[in-house]
Amino acid sequence: DVPDLDLMRGFLAGRLLGSSAVAATLEYRWPIWAFLDGTLQTAVGNAFAERHLEDFDPELLRFSFVGGIRSPNHRDHSFNLLAGFGTDTFRDGGAPSSFRFLFGGTTGF
């Protein structure tokens, strides 16, 4: 599981599946130490059953939030200590429904 490839990191991998998806993400990173960065990320989006977003409805979007510390931009190995959550759809009230805690490293190019 490589967090940089997740569109909405507050959800567990494989939680949002469909034939089409949309997500808008805003991420902020700041240096804490020479080998660690703080990170905050918010995202709005969802996956949809129909191709080409044919069943898109803004009320079916979800919110995702993640915060924590990461090693800064190491392509071959990254340390992560992140916590986040994802919500129900806005139509269903947008209450938190998913919690994710990630501790460890990722490897690969």
PDB file of N, CA and C in Angstrom:
ATOM      1  N   ASP A   1       0.844  -1.175   0.000  1.00  0.00           N
ATOM      2  CA  ASP A   1       0.000   0.000   0.000  1.00  0.00           C
ATOM      3  C   ASP A   1       0.890   1.238   0.000  1.00  0.00           C
ATOM      4  N   VAL A   2       0.866   1.981  -1.074  1.00  0.00           N
ATOM      5  CA  VAL A   2       1.669   3.190  -1.202  1.00  0.00           C
ATOM      6  C   VAL A   2       0.748   4.393  -1.048  1.00  0.00           C
ATOM      7  N   PRO A   3       0.807   5.104   0.102  1.00  0.00           N
ATOM      8  CA  PRO A   3      -0.139   6.198   0.345  1.00  0.00           C
ATOM      9  C   PRO A   3      -0.144   7.272  -0.720  1.00  0.00           C
ATOM     10  N   ASP A   4       0.984   7.533  -1.392  1.00  0.00           N
ATOM     11  CA  ASP A   4       1.008   8.577  -2.408  1.00  0.00           C
ATOM     12  C   ASP A   4       0.079   8.270  -3.578  1.00  0.00           C
ATOM     13  N   LEU A   5      -0.261   7.003  -3.793  1.00  0.00           N
ATOM     14  CA  LEU A   5      -1.126   6.637  -4.907  1.00  0.00           C
ATOM     15  C   LEU A   5      -2.601   6.596  -4.528  1.00  0.00           C
ATOM     16  N   ASP A   6      -2.916   6.693  -3.251  1.00  0.00           N
ATOM     17  CA  ASP A   6      -4.308   6.708  -2.809  1.00  0.00           C
ATOM     18  C   ASP A   6      -4.912   8.077  -3.083  1.00  0.00           C
ATOM     19  N   LEU A   7      -6.077   8.102  -3.723  1.00  0.00           N
ATOM     20  CA  LEU A   7      -6.731   9.379  -3.988  1.00  0.00           C
ATOM     21  C   LEU A   7      -7.288   9.998  -2.718  1.00  0.00           C
ATOM     22  N   MET A   8      -7.856   9.157  -1.848  1.00  0.00           N
ATOM     23  CA  MET A   8      -8.446   9.643  -0.605  1.00  0.00           C
ATOM     24  C   MET A   8      -7.878   8.797   0.529  1.00  0.00           C
ATOM     25  N   ARG A   9      -6.800   9.266   1.132  1.00  0.00           N
ATOM     26  CA  ARG A   9      -6.031   8.472   2.091  1.00  0.00           C
ATOM     27  C   ARG A   9      -6.730   8.183   3.405  1.00  0.00           C
ATOM     28  N   GLY A  10      -7.820   8.864   3.708  1.00  0.00           N
ATOM     29  CA  GLY A  10      -8.557   8.589   4.936  1.00  0.00           C
ATOM     30  C   GLY A  10      -9.318   7.273   4.900  1.00  0.00           C
ATOM     31  N   PHE A  11      -9.473   6.689   3.716  1.00  0.00           N
ATOM     32  CA  PHE A  11     -10.160   5.414   3.557  1.00  0.00           C
ATOM     33  C   PHE A  11      -9.137   4.306   3.373  1.00  0.00           C
ATOM     34  N   LEU A  12      -9.468   3.118   3.864  1.00  0.00           N
ATOM     35  CA  LEU A  12      -8.608   1.954   3.658  1.00  0.00           C
ATOM     36  C   LEU A  12      -8.529   1.640   2.173  1.00  0.00           C
ATOM     37  N   ALA A  13      -7.423   1.082   1.742  1.00  0.00           N
ATOM     38  CA  ALA A  13      -7.250   0.710   0.336  1.00  0.00           C
ATOM     39  C   ALA A  13      -8.348  -0.272  -0.068  1.00  0.00           C
ATOM     40  N   GLY A  14      -8.967  -0.053  -1.222  1.00  0.00           N
ATOM     41  CA  GLY A  14     -10.026  -0.919  -1.704  1.00  0.00           C
ATOM     42  C   GLY A  14     -11.406  -0.582  -1.169  1.00  0.00           C
ATOM     43  N   ARG A  15     -11.533   0.428  -0.349  1.00  0.00           N
ATOM     44  CA  ARG A  15     -12.831   0.796   0.241  1.00  0.00           C
ATOM     45  C   ARG A  15     -13.739   1.479  -0.774  1.00  0.00           C
ATOM     46  N   LEU A  16     -13.180   2.312  -1.624  1.00  0.00           N
ATOM     47  CA  LEU A  16     -13.963   3.025  -2.633  1.00  0.00           C
ATOM     48  C   LEU A  16     -13.648   2.441  -4.001  1.00  0.00           C
ATOM     49  N   LEU A  17     -14.562   1.671  -4.546  1.00  0.00           N
ATOM     50  CA  LEU A  17     -14.366   1.017  -5.841  1.00  0.00           C
ATOM     51  C   LEU A  17     -15.502   1.372  -6.784  1.00  0.00           C
ATOM     52  N   GLY A  18     -15.208   1.475  -8.069  1.00  0.00           N
ATOM     53  CA  GLY A  18     -16.219   1.759  -9.068  1.00  0.00           C
ATOM     54  C   GLY A  18     -15.594   1.848 -10.442  1.00  0.00           C
ATOM     55  N   SER A  19     -16.429   2.064 -11.440  1.00  0.00           N
ATOM     56  CA  SER A  19     -15.941   2.183 -12.815  1.00  0.00           C
ATOM     57  C   SER A  19     -15.364   3.560 -13.106  1.00  0.00           C
ATOM     58  N   SER A  20     -15.723   4.550 -12.293  1.00  0.00           N
ATOM     59  CA  SER A  20     -15.168   5.891 -12.452  1.00  0.00           C
ATOM     60  C   SER A  20     -15.039   6.526 -11.072  1.00  0.00           C
ATOM     61  N   ALA A  21     -14.163   7.499 -10.973  1.00  0.00           N
ATOM     62  CA  ALA A  21     -13.937   8.170  -9.692  1.00  0.00           C
ATOM     63  C   ALA A  21     -13.517   9.608  -9.935  1.00  0.00           C
ATOM     64  N   VAL A  22     -13.760  10.433  -8.924  1.00  0.00           N
ATOM     65  CA  VAL A  22     -13.335  11.825  -8.966  1.00  0.00           C
ATOM     66  C   VAL A  22     -12.861  12.205  -7.565  1.00  0.00           C
ATOM     67  N   ALA A  23     -11.803  12.997  -7.509  1.00  0.00           N
ATOM     68  CA  ALA A  23     -11.301  13.460  -6.215  1.00  0.00           C
ATOM     69  C   ALA A  23     -10.550  14.768  -6.403  1.00  0.00           C
ATOM     70  N   ALA A  24     -10.733  15.667  -5.460  1.00  0.00           N
ATOM     71  CA  ALA A  24      -9.972  16.914  -5.396  1.00  0.00           C
ATOM     72  C   ALA A  24      -9.236  16.896  -4.058  1.00  0.00           C
ATOM     73  N   THR A  25      -7.924  17.112  -4.104  1.00  0.00           N
ATOM     74  CA  THR A  25      -7.095  16.967  -2.914  1.00  0.00           C
ATOM     75  C   THR A  25      -6.288  18.232  -2.675  1.00  0.00           C
ATOM     76  N   LEU A  26      -6.163  18.580  -1.407  1.00  0.00           N
ATOM     77  CA  LEU A  26      -5.308  19.682  -0.982  1.00  0.00           C
ATOM     78  C   LEU A  26      -4.375  19.130   0.089  1.00  0.00           C
ATOM     79  N   GLU A  27      -3.055  19.270  -0.123  1.00  0.00           N
ATOM     80  CA  GLU A  27      -2.080  18.753   0.834  1.00  0.00           C
ATOM     81  C   GLU A  27      -1.098  19.855   1.206  1.00  0.00           C
ATOM     82  N   TYR A  28      -0.738  19.877   2.486  1.00  0.00           N
ATOM     83  CA  TYR A  28       0.246  20.834   2.988  1.00  0.00           C
ATOM     84  C   TYR A  28       1.313  20.061   3.743  1.00  0.00           C
ATOM     85  N   ARG A  29       2.580  20.331   3.434  1.00  0.00           N
ATOM     86  CA  ARG A  29       3.713  19.716   4.124  1.00  0.00           C
ATOM     87  C   ARG A  29       4.622  20.809   4.656  1.00  0.00           C
ATOM     88  N   TRP A  30       5.233  20.543   5.802  1.00  0.00           N
ATOM     89  CA  TRP A  30       6.178  21.491   6.387  1.00  0.00           C
ATOM     90  C   TRP A  30       7.299  20.702   7.056  1.00  0.00           C
ATOM     91  N   PRO A  31       8.496  21.262   7.068  1.00  0.00           N
ATOM     92  CA  PRO A  31       9.629  20.557   7.688  1.00  0.00           C
ATOM     93  C   PRO A  31       9.535  20.580   9.214  1.00  0.00           C
ATOM     94  N   ILE A  32       9.773  19.434   9.817  1.00  0.00           N
ATOM     95  CA  ILE A  32       9.850  19.321  11.273  1.00  0.00           C
ATOM     96  C   ILE A  32      11.299  19.151  11.692  1.00  0.00           C
ATOM     97  N   TRP A  33      12.003  18.354  10.915  1.00  0.00           N
ATOM     98  CA  TRP A  33      13.386  18.004  11.189  1.00  0.00           C
ATOM     99  C   TRP A  33      14.006  17.633   9.853  1.00  0.00           C
ATOM    100  N   ALA A  34      15.304  17.439   9.794  1.00  0.00           N
ATOM    101  CA  ALA A  34      15.961  17.145   8.529  1.00  0.00           C
ATOM    102  C   ALA A  34      15.400  15.897   7.846  1.00  0.00           C
ATOM    103  N   PHE A  35      14.902  14.932   8.623  1.00  0.00           N
ATOM    104  CA  PHE A  35      14.435  13.674   8.051  1.00  0.00           C
ATOM    105  C   PHE A  35      12.931  13.452   8.191  1.00  0.00           C
ATOM    106  N   LEU A  36      12.182  14.450   8.673  1.00  0.00           N
ATOM    107  CA  LEU A  36      10.732  14.301   8.846  1.00  0.00           C
ATOM    108  C   LEU A  36       9.988  15.561   8.427  1.00  0.00           C
ATOM    109  N   ASP A  37       8.860  15.359   7.779  1.00  0.00           N
ATOM    110  CA  ASP A  37       7.945  16.442   7.420  1.00  0.00           C
ATOM    111  C   ASP A  37       6.608  16.201   8.089  1.00  0.00           C
ATOM    112  N   GLY A  38       5.947  17.263   8.500  1.00  0.00           N
ATOM    113  CA  GLY A  38       4.554  17.172   8.910  1.00  0.00           C
ATOM    114  C   GLY A  38       3.692  17.222   7.662  1.00  0.00           C
ATOM    115  N   THR A  39       2.538  16.594   7.699  1.00  0.00           N
ATOM    116  CA  THR A  39       1.659  16.603   6.536  1.00  0.00           C
ATOM    117  C   THR A  39       0.195  16.621   6.961  1.00  0.00           C
ATOM    118  N   LEU A  40      -0.599  17.410   6.262  1.00  0.00           N
ATOM    119  CA  LEU A  40      -2.057  17.437   6.394  1.00  0.00           C
ATOM    120  C   LEU A  40      -2.641  17.325   5.003  1.00  0.00           C
ATOM    121  N   GLN A  41      -3.663  16.491   4.850  1.00  0.00           N
ATOM    122  CA  GLN A  41      -4.295  16.336   3.550  1.00  0.00           C
ATOM    123  C   GLN A  41      -5.809  16.253   3.717  1.00  0.00           C
ATOM    124  N   THR A  42      -6.524  17.004   2.907  1.00  0.00           N
ATOM    125  CA  THR A  42      -7.976  16.889   2.838  1.00  0.00           C
ATOM    126  C   THR A  42      -8.351  16.558   1.403  1.00  0.00           C
ATOM    127  N   ALA A  43      -9.413  15.808   1.245  1.00  0.00           N
ATOM    128  CA  ALA A  43      -9.876  15.442  -0.097  1.00  0.00           C
ATOM    129  C   ALA A  43     -11.387  15.317  -0.090  1.00  0.00           C
ATOM    130  N   VAL A  44     -11.977  15.593  -1.234  1.00  0.00           N
ATOM    131  CA  VAL A  44     -13.402  15.399  -1.468  1.00  0.00           C
ATOM    132  C   VAL A  44     -13.521  14.597  -2.750  1.00  0.00           C
ATOM    133  N   GLY A  45     -14.346  13.543  -2.737  1.00  0.00           N
ATOM    134  CA  GLY A  45     -14.525  12.729  -3.932  1.00  0.00           C
ATOM    135  C   GLY A  45     -15.296  11.467  -3.627  1.00  0.00           C
ATOM    136  N   ASN A  46     -15.337  10.557  -4.588  1.00  0.00           N
ATOM    137  CA  ASN A  46     -15.981   9.259  -4.422  1.00  0.00           C
ATOM    138  C   ASN A  46     -15.765   8.442  -5.696  1.00  0.00           C
ATOM    139  N   ALA A  47     -16.087   7.170  -5.618  1.00  0.00           N
ATOM    140  CA  ALA A  47     -16.098   6.279  -6.775  1.00  0.00           C
ATOM    141  C   ALA A  47     -17.551   6.021  -7.152  1.00  0.00           C
ATOM    142  N   PHE A  48     -17.808   5.838  -8.443  1.00  0.00           N
ATOM    143  CA  PHE A  48     -19.165   5.672  -8.940  1.00  0.00           C
ATOM    144  C   PHE A  48     -19.265   4.415  -9.792  1.00  0.00           C
ATOM    145  N   ALA A  49     -20.445   3.828  -9.812  1.00  0.00           N
ATOM    146  CA  ALA A  49     -20.646   2.549 -10.497  1.00  0.00           C
ATOM    147  C   ALA A  49     -20.614   2.689 -12.022  1.00  0.00           C
ATOM    148  N   GLU A  50     -21.167   3.766 -12.539  1.00  0.00           N
ATOM    149  CA  GLU A  50     -21.261   3.938 -13.989  1.00  0.00           C
ATOM    150  C   GLU A  50     -19.979   4.527 -14.564  1.00  0.00           C
ATOM    151  N   ARG A  51     -19.684   4.171 -15.795  1.00  0.00           N
ATOM    152  CA  ARG A  51     -18.512   4.713 -16.488  1.00  0.00           C
ATOM    153  C   ARG A  51     -18.715   6.197 -16.792  1.00  0.00           C
ATOM    154  N   HIS A  52     -17.627   6.913 -16.910  1.00  0.00           N
ATOM    155  CA  HIS A  52     -17.622   8.328 -17.313  1.00  0.00           C
ATOM    156  C   HIS A  52     -18.444   9.217 -16.378  1.00  0.00           C
ATOM    157  N   LEU A  53     -18.524   8.842 -15.112  1.00  0.00           N
ATOM    158  CA  LEU A  53     -19.225   9.636 -14.092  1.00  0.00           C
ATOM    159  C   LEU A  53     -20.687   9.896 -14.432  1.00  0.00           C
ATOM    160  N   GLU A  54     -21.337   8.957 -15.131  1.00  0.00           N
ATOM    161  CA  GLU A  54     -22.730   9.144 -15.538  1.00  0.00           C
ATOM    162  C   GLU A  54     -23.676   9.251 -14.350  1.00  0.00           C
ATOM    163  N   ASP A  55     -23.337   8.620 -13.214  1.00  0.00           N
ATOM    164  CA  ASP A  55     -24.202   8.692 -12.030  1.00  0.00           C
ATOM    165  C   ASP A  55     -23.661   9.669 -10.985  1.00  0.00           C
ATOM    166  N   PHE A  56     -22.839  10.630 -11.418  1.00  0.00           N
ATOM    167  CA  PHE A  56     -22.274  11.620 -10.503  1.00  0.00           C
ATOM    168  C   PHE A  56     -23.367  12.496  -9.909  1.00  0.00           C
ATOM    169  N   ASP A  57     -23.289  12.704  -8.604  1.00  0.00           N
ATOM    170  CA  ASP A  57     -24.182  13.606  -7.885  1.00  0.00           C
ATOM    171  C   ASP A  57     -23.357  14.221  -6.761  1.00  0.00           C
ATOM    172  N   PRO A  58     -23.286  15.549  -6.631  1.00  0.00           N
ATOM    173  CA  PRO A  58     -22.480  16.163  -5.575  1.00  0.00           C
ATOM    174  C   PRO A  58     -22.842  15.678  -4.171  1.00  0.00           C
ATOM    175  N   GLU A  59     -24.078  15.268  -3.954  1.00  0.00           N
ATOM    176  CA  GLU A  59     -24.477  14.763  -2.640  1.00  0.00           C
ATOM    177  C   GLU A  59     -23.882  13.392  -2.334  1.00  0.00           C
ATOM    178  N   LEU A  60     -23.341  12.702  -3.349  1.00  0.00           N
ATOM    179  CA  LEU A  60     -22.723  11.391  -3.146  1.00  0.00           C
ATOM    180  C   LEU A  60     -21.226  11.493  -2.870  1.00  0.00           C
ATOM    181  N   LEU A  61     -20.694  12.711  -2.788  1.00  0.00           N
ATOM    182  CA  LEU A  61     -19.280  12.886  -2.486  1.00  0.00           C
ATOM    183  C   LEU A  61     -19.011  12.618  -1.006  1.00  0.00           C
ATOM    184  N   ARG A  62     -17.755  12.311  -0.700  1.00  0.00           N
ATOM    185  CA  ARG A  62     -17.306  12.030   0.667  1.00  0.00           C
ATOM    186  C   ARG A  62     -16.122  12.926   0.984  1.00  0.00           C
ATOM    187  N   PHE A  63     -15.809  13.045   2.270  1.00  0.00           N
ATOM    188  CA  PHE A  63     -14.680  13.838   2.742  1.00  0.00           C
ATOM    189  C   PHE A  63     -13.646  12.904   3.345  1.00  0.00           C
ATOM    190  N   SER A  64     -12.368  13.248   3.177  1.00  0.00           N
ATOM    191  CA  SER A  64     -11.261  12.477   3.740  1.00  0.00           C
ATOM    192  C   SER A  64     -10.257  13.449   4.358  1.00  0.00           C
ATOM    193  N   PHE A  65      -9.696  13.068   5.513  1.00  0.00           N
ATOM    194  CA  PHE A  65      -8.674  13.876   6.175  1.00  0.00           C
ATOM    195  C   PHE A  65      -7.580  12.962   6.694  1.00  0.00           C
ATOM    196  N   VAL A  66      -6.316  13.364   6.506  1.00  0.00           N
ATOM    197  CA  VAL A  66      -5.163  12.611   7.016  1.00  0.00           C
ATOM    198  C   VAL A  66      -4.146  13.611   7.548  1.00  0.00           C
ATOM    199  N   GLY A  67      -3.519  13.273   8.666  1.00  0.00           N
ATOM    200  CA  GLY A  67      -2.447  14.082   9.224  1.00  0.00           C
ATOM    201  C   GLY A  67      -1.397  13.194   9.859  1.00  0.00           C
ATOM    202  N   GLY A  68      -0.184  13.694   9.933  1.00  0.00           N
ATOM    203  CA  GLY A  68       0.883  12.920  10.568  1.00  0.00           C
ATOM    204  C   GLY A  68       2.256  13.386  10.147  1.00  0.00           C
ATOM    205  N   ILE A  69       3.226  12.462  10.217  1.00  0.00           N
ATOM    206  CA  ILE A  69       4.597  12.767   9.814  1.00  0.00           C
ATOM    207  C   ILE A  69       5.065  11.749   8.785  1.00  0.00           C
ATOM    208  N   ARG A  70       5.928  12.211   7.891  1.00  0.00           N
ATOM    209  CA  ARG A  70       6.466  11.381   6.816  1.00  0.00           C
ATOM    210  C   ARG A  70       7.905  11.782   6.557  1.00  0.00           C
ATOM    211  N   SER A  71       8.651  10.860   5.984  1.00  0.00           N
ATOM    212  CA  SER A  71       9.983  11.236   5.534  1.00  0.00           C
ATOM    213  C   SER A  71       9.823  12.037   4.241  1.00  0.00           C
ATOM    214  N   PRO A  72      10.657  13.037   4.034  1.00  0.00           N
ATOM    215  CA  PRO A  72      10.460  13.936   2.886  1.00  0.00           C
ATOM    216  C   PRO A  72      10.950  13.345   1.567  1.00  0.00           C
ATOM    217  N   ASN A  73      10.026  13.146   0.652  1.00  0.00           N
ATOM    218  CA  ASN A  73      10.288  12.818  -0.760  1.00  0.00           C
ATOM    219  C   ASN A  73      11.395  11.810  -1.025  1.00  0.00           C
ATOM    220  N   HIS A  74      11.345  10.673  -0.380  1.00  0.00           N
ATOM    221  CA  HIS A  74      12.263   9.591  -0.714  1.00  0.00           C
ATOM    222  C   HIS A  74      11.538   8.645  -1.651  1.00  0.00           C
ATOM    223  N   ARG A  75      11.979   8.557  -2.889  1.00  0.00           N
ATOM    224  CA  ARG A  75      11.284   7.752  -3.886  1.00  0.00           C
ATOM    225  C   ARG A  75      11.421   6.262  -3.637  1.00  0.00           C
ATOM    226  N   ASP A  76      12.562   5.824  -3.093  1.00  0.00           N
ATOM    227  CA  ASP A  76      12.760   4.390  -2.936  1.00  0.00           C
ATOM    228  C   ASP A  76      12.346   3.869  -1.570  1.00  0.00           C
ATOM    229  N   HIS A  77      12.209   4.721  -0.575  1.00  0.00           N
ATOM    230  CA  HIS A  77      11.759   4.291   0.739  1.00  0.00           C
ATOM    231  C   HIS A  77      11.175   5.485   1.483  1.00  0.00           C
ATOM    232  N   SER A  78      10.038   5.265   2.109  1.00  0.00           N
ATOM    233  CA  SER A  78       9.368   6.345   2.823  1.00  0.00           C
ATOM    234  C   SER A  78       8.880   5.839   4.160  1.00  0.00           C
ATOM    235  N   PHE A  79       9.135   6.592   5.223  1.00  0.00           N
ATOM    236  CA  PHE A  79       8.589   6.295   6.549  1.00  0.00           C
ATOM    237  C   PHE A  79       7.300   7.088   6.727  1.00  0.00           C
ATOM    238  N   ASN A  80       6.261   6.453   7.274  1.00  0.00           N
ATOM    239  CA  ASN A  80       4.967   7.107   7.449  1.00  0.00           C
ATOM    240  C   ASN A  80       4.411   6.840   8.839  1.00  0.00           C
ATOM    241  N   LEU A  81       3.897   7.866   9.466  1.00  0.00           N
ATOM    242  CA  LEU A  81       3.110   7.757  10.690  1.00  0.00           C
ATOM    243  C   LEU A  81       1.914   8.676  10.473  1.00  0.00           C
ATOM    244  N   LEU A  82       0.820   8.097   9.995  1.00  0.00           N
ATOM    245  CA  LEU A  82      -0.338   8.875   9.570  1.00  0.00           C
ATOM    246  C   LEU A  82      -1.611   8.356  10.227  1.00  0.00           C
ATOM    247  N   ALA A  83      -2.532   9.243  10.513  1.00  0.00           N
ATOM    248  CA  ALA A  83      -3.858   8.876  11.000  1.00  0.00           C
ATOM    249  C   ALA A  83      -4.873   9.712  10.231  1.00  0.00           C
ATOM    250  N   GLY A  84      -6.003   9.110   9.927  1.00  0.00           N
ATOM    251  CA  GLY A  84      -7.005   9.841   9.177  1.00  0.00           C
ATOM    252  C   GLY A  84      -8.365   9.202   9.269  1.00  0.00           C
ATOM    253  N   PHE A  85      -9.338   9.841   8.627  1.00  0.00           N
ATOM    254  CA  PHE A  85     -10.696   9.308   8.596  1.00  0.00           C
ATOM    255  C   PHE A  85     -11.361   9.660   7.281  1.00  0.00           C
ATOM    256  N   GLY A  86     -12.384   8.902   6.951  1.00  0.00           N
ATOM    257  CA  GLY A  86     -13.228   9.169   5.803  1.00  0.00           C
ATOM    258  C   GLY A  86     -14.668   9.208   6.264  1.00  0.00           C
ATOM    259  N   THR A  87     -15.518   9.879   5.528  1.00  0.00           N
ATOM    260  CA  THR A  87     -16.905  10.067   5.960  1.00  0.00           C
ATOM    261  C   THR A  87     -17.883   9.309   5.067  1.00  0.00           C
ATOM    262  N   ASP A  88     -19.124   9.230   5.553  1.00  0.00           N
ATOM    263  CA  ASP A  88     -20.238   8.790   4.714  1.00  0.00           C
ATOM    264  C   ASP A  88     -20.457   9.851   3.647  1.00  0.00           C
ATOM    265  N   THR A  89     -21.338   9.568   2.708  1.00  0.00           N
ATOM    266  CA  THR A  89     -21.663  10.568   1.687  1.00  0.00           C
ATOM    267  C   THR A  89     -22.327  11.776   2.342  1.00  0.00           C
ATOM    268  N   PHE A  90     -22.236  12.907   1.674  1.00  0.00           N
ATOM    269  CA  PHE A  90     -22.856  14.118   2.194  1.00  0.00           C
ATOM    270  C   PHE A  90     -24.367  13.933   2.329  1.00  0.00           C
ATOM    271  N   ARG A  91     -24.974  13.163   1.427  1.00  0.00           N
ATOM    272  CA  ARG A  91     -26.412  12.885   1.489  1.00  0.00           C
ATOM    273  C   ARG A  91     -26.777  12.177   2.797  1.00  0.00           C
ATOM    274  N   ASP A  92     -25.872  11.306   3.279  1.00  0.00           N
ATOM    275  CA  ASP A  92     -26.115  10.549   4.513  1.00  0.00           C
ATOM    276  C   ASP A  92     -25.614  11.271   5.757  1.00  0.00           C
ATOM    277  N   GLY A  93     -25.257  12.533   5.633  1.00  0.00           N
ATOM    278  CA  GLY A  93     -24.869  13.333   6.789  1.00  0.00           C
ATOM    279  C   GLY A  93     -23.382  13.589   6.928  1.00  0.00           C
ATOM    280  N   GLY A  94     -22.560  12.898   6.180  1.00  0.00           N
ATOM    281  CA  GLY A  94     -21.118  13.153   6.210  1.00  0.00           C
ATOM    282  C   GLY A  94     -20.432  12.817   7.517  1.00  0.00           C
ATOM    283  N   ALA A  95     -20.984  11.903   8.294  1.00  0.00           N
ATOM    284  CA  ALA A  95     -20.371  11.513   9.573  1.00  0.00           C
ATOM    285  C   ALA A  95     -19.165  10.600   9.323  1.00  0.00           C
ATOM    286  N   PRO A  96     -18.134  10.688  10.151  1.00  0.00           N
ATOM    287  CA  PRO A  96     -16.978   9.786   9.986  1.00  0.00           C
ATOM    288  C   PRO A  96     -17.408   8.319  10.027  1.00  0.00           C
ATOM    289  N   SER A  97     -16.934   7.543   9.052  1.00  0.00           N
ATOM    290  CA  SER A  97     -17.309   6.134   8.972  1.00  0.00           C
ATOM    291  C   SER A  97     -16.113   5.212   8.804  1.00  0.00           C
ATOM    292  N   SER A  98     -14.931   5.782   8.609  1.00  0.00           N
ATOM    293  CA  SER A  98     -13.740   4.979   8.367  1.00  0.00           C
ATOM    294  C   SER A  98     -12.563   5.631   9.078  1.00  0.00           C
ATOM    295  N   PHE A  99     -11.762   4.838   9.769  1.00  0.00           N
ATOM    296  CA  PHE A  99     -10.559   5.333  10.425  1.00  0.00           C
ATOM    297  C   PHE A  99      -9.368   4.567   9.876  1.00  0.00           C
ATOM    298  N   ARG A 100      -8.279   5.261   9.633  1.00  0.00           N
ATOM    299  CA  ARG A 100      -7.083   4.628   9.101  1.00  0.00           C
ATOM    300  C   ARG A 100      -5.874   5.093   9.898  1.00  0.00           C
ATOM    301  N   PHE A 101      -5.060   4.128  10.326  1.00  0.00           N
ATOM    302  CA  PHE A 101      -3.801   4.413  11.002  1.00  0.00           C
ATOM    303  C   PHE A 101      -2.710   3.688  10.235  1.00  0.00           C
ATOM    304  N   LEU A 102      -1.688   4.414   9.832  1.00  0.00           N
ATOM    305  CA  LEU A 102      -0.603   3.828   9.056  1.00  0.00           C
ATOM    306  C   LEU A 102       0.715   4.124   9.748  1.00  0.00           C
ATOM    307  N   PHE A 103       1.412   3.061  10.103  1.00  0.00           N
ATOM    308  CA  PHE A 103       2.741   3.175  10.712  1.00  0.00           C
ATOM    309  C   PHE A 103       3.645   2.213   9.968  1.00  0.00           C
ATOM    310  N   GLY A 104       4.714   2.736   9.402  1.00  0.00           N
ATOM    311  CA  GLY A 104       5.647   1.858   8.699  1.00  0.00           C
ATOM    312  C   GLY A 104       6.263   2.539   7.508  1.00  0.00           C
ATOM    313  N   GLY A 105       6.860   1.733   6.686  1.00  0.00           N
ATOM    314  CA  GLY A 105       7.553   2.240   5.531  1.00  0.00           C
ATOM    315  C   GLY A 105       7.002   1.661   4.253  1.00  0.00           C
ATOM    316  N   THR A 106       7.231   2.362   3.167  1.00  0.00           N
ATOM    317  CA  THR A 106       6.892   1.867   1.857  1.00  0.00           C
ATOM    318  C   THR A 106       8.161   1.783   1.050  1.00  0.00           C
ATOM    319  N   THR A 107       8.250   0.811   0.182  1.00  0.00           N
ATOM    320  CA  THR A 107       9.427   0.655  -0.651  1.00  0.00           C
ATOM    321  C   THR A 107       9.017   0.513  -2.111  1.00  0.00           C
ATOM    322  N   GLY A 108       9.947   0.794  -2.984  1.00  0.00           N
ATOM    323  CA  GLY A 108       9.680   0.656  -4.411  1.00  0.00           C
ATOM    324  C   GLY A 108       9.966   1.945  -5.147  1.00  0.00           C
ATOM    325  N   PHE A 109      10.060   1.837  -6.449  1.00  0.00           N
ATOM    326  CA  PHE A 109      10.337   3.003  -7.283  1.00  0.00           C
ATOM    327  C   PHE A 109       9.079   3.420  -7.984  1.00  0.00           C
TER     328      PHE A 109
END
